[in-house]
Amino acid sequence: MLRDHPLRVELCNELHARPFTQLTGPETITHIGMLSGENKAEEERAHVGLLCQRFNVAAPAPGTKHFMADLGHFYVVWERHTEFSTYTFFRNRKDPDRKQYDTVPSTPLNKKDYHEPFSRTAIELVPQDWLNALPGQRLVGVHLELEGHDAPERTMQEQVAFFPTGNLSACTLRGGLAAVWMDFSINEDGYGRILIKDYGLKPRQIGRAVQRLLEIDTYRMMALLSLPLAQQYGDRLAKAGRVLKDITTRMTDHRNVDNEKELLGELTELSAEIEQAAAATNYRFSASKAYHELVKQRILKLKEGNMDGFQRMESFLDRRLTPAMRTCEAMALRLDTLSKRVARAGQLLRTRVDIQLEEQNSALLKSMDKRASIQLRLQETVEGLSVAAISYYVVSLFYYLAKGIKTSGVDINPSIAAAISIPFVVTVLWLGVRRVRRIVEQESRN
């Protein structure tokens, strides 16, 4: 029997982890995105389990990153992402006989079930104390109203009246089979608003459109998280650029090694500051770039059409979101460029310091060689004087020896004996000193 890779099932299931739902109008949805960091998955999963426990529903299994459940009065969908989680609540999607979330209700809702958009929300049915204890901080909040093709027709002014901010985008989907209005704002209740009017989309197409719209709102907020960082570090990088310019200017004006050591210290401190800024912003800038790409992909998949008097979402976000993302990208590039400039300046300065130190060391070695040569000549001179002095004392000993021998009765002239010994004494002593010096030099070389 073939042995499966331990991750085979997990990797295969990943493609089916977040299925598109099937929806029909009318539907009321509330979508929340909680920024909780990378280490809160278990805590969030346990919190979802507490909600399920209240409604006697099975809790998410350990390791689950996507969970859906019918809690009777509403549906809940929890999705865990790298650094945030989303909670989506569906108000009208309830059918006790259905076991799967992505099935279509067997009996559509009647016209009487339609209500004025945003007059009631899905989150009203969720226990407030459970909501208040959600891990993390709310970054995304939006109410979505889905109206079926049999919903009451309204004028454009009546549609716009549902968006108090008045600043919204609108478009058609799939050649006019649906219309979407979205304000990308935060209203008095703390939520943005999305209104969808279905004119003939299939349930699965509606589900995909709803999911993409919610993802657009979520990812555009996650992408914008890097903008405050870019603004915060803008002045610091400008100051660092001025400091670097000052250091490089002083590098060209001064060639004193002590001064260059001081410059090298300043440059090292500046490099540490820039690296700290890079460490603090690199992840956020990279994540924002990825989130922005997801926003653009989701918008492209919507296949927007123009609606008279409104900007499409693509144009709306291109005018507002894209400049913010370009600011972040420019800041990331500026930080990288500044880091490379500091590294090049530091390398150049260290090279100059090393060269000057080598020149100093070379001059010092030459000076030491010269002193050694002088000491050698002095040593040779001293050796000659030493031979003469020792010879004098040795000859004196011979003189006194000869004088003592004469006193004992031997006929010898002490002066002549001392004179005769001088050549022999000097020769022997000179050869002895030379031999000792060669032995010492040989040992020092070894």
Foldseek 3Di string as FASTA:
>chain_A
DDDDDPCPVVVVCVVVLDAFAFDADFKKKKKWKFFFAQPCPVVQQVLQCVQCVVQVHHGDDPPRQWDWDDSAQWIWIWGHDRGMIMIMIIGPPDDVVDDDRRDYDPDDDDQVPDDDPPPDHRCVPGDPVSVVPRHHHIQAIAMEGEHEQPHDDDDPVSVQVVFVVSAWFKWAFPVNQKIKIWRLDQDPVRHTYMYMYGNHDGRSLVSLLVVLVRLLSVLLSLLLPLLVLLVVCVVVLVVLVVVLVVLVVVVVVDQDLVVLVVSLVVLVVSLVVLVVSCVVRVVSLVSSVVSVVSSVVSLVVRHTHDDPPGHHPVVVCCVPRVVSNVSSVVSNVSSVVSNVSSVVVSVVSVVSSVVVVVVVVVVVVVVVVVVVVVVVVVVVVVLVVVLVVVLVVVLVVQLVVQVVVVVVPDDDDSVVRSVVCSVVSSVVSSVVVVVVVVVVVVVVVD
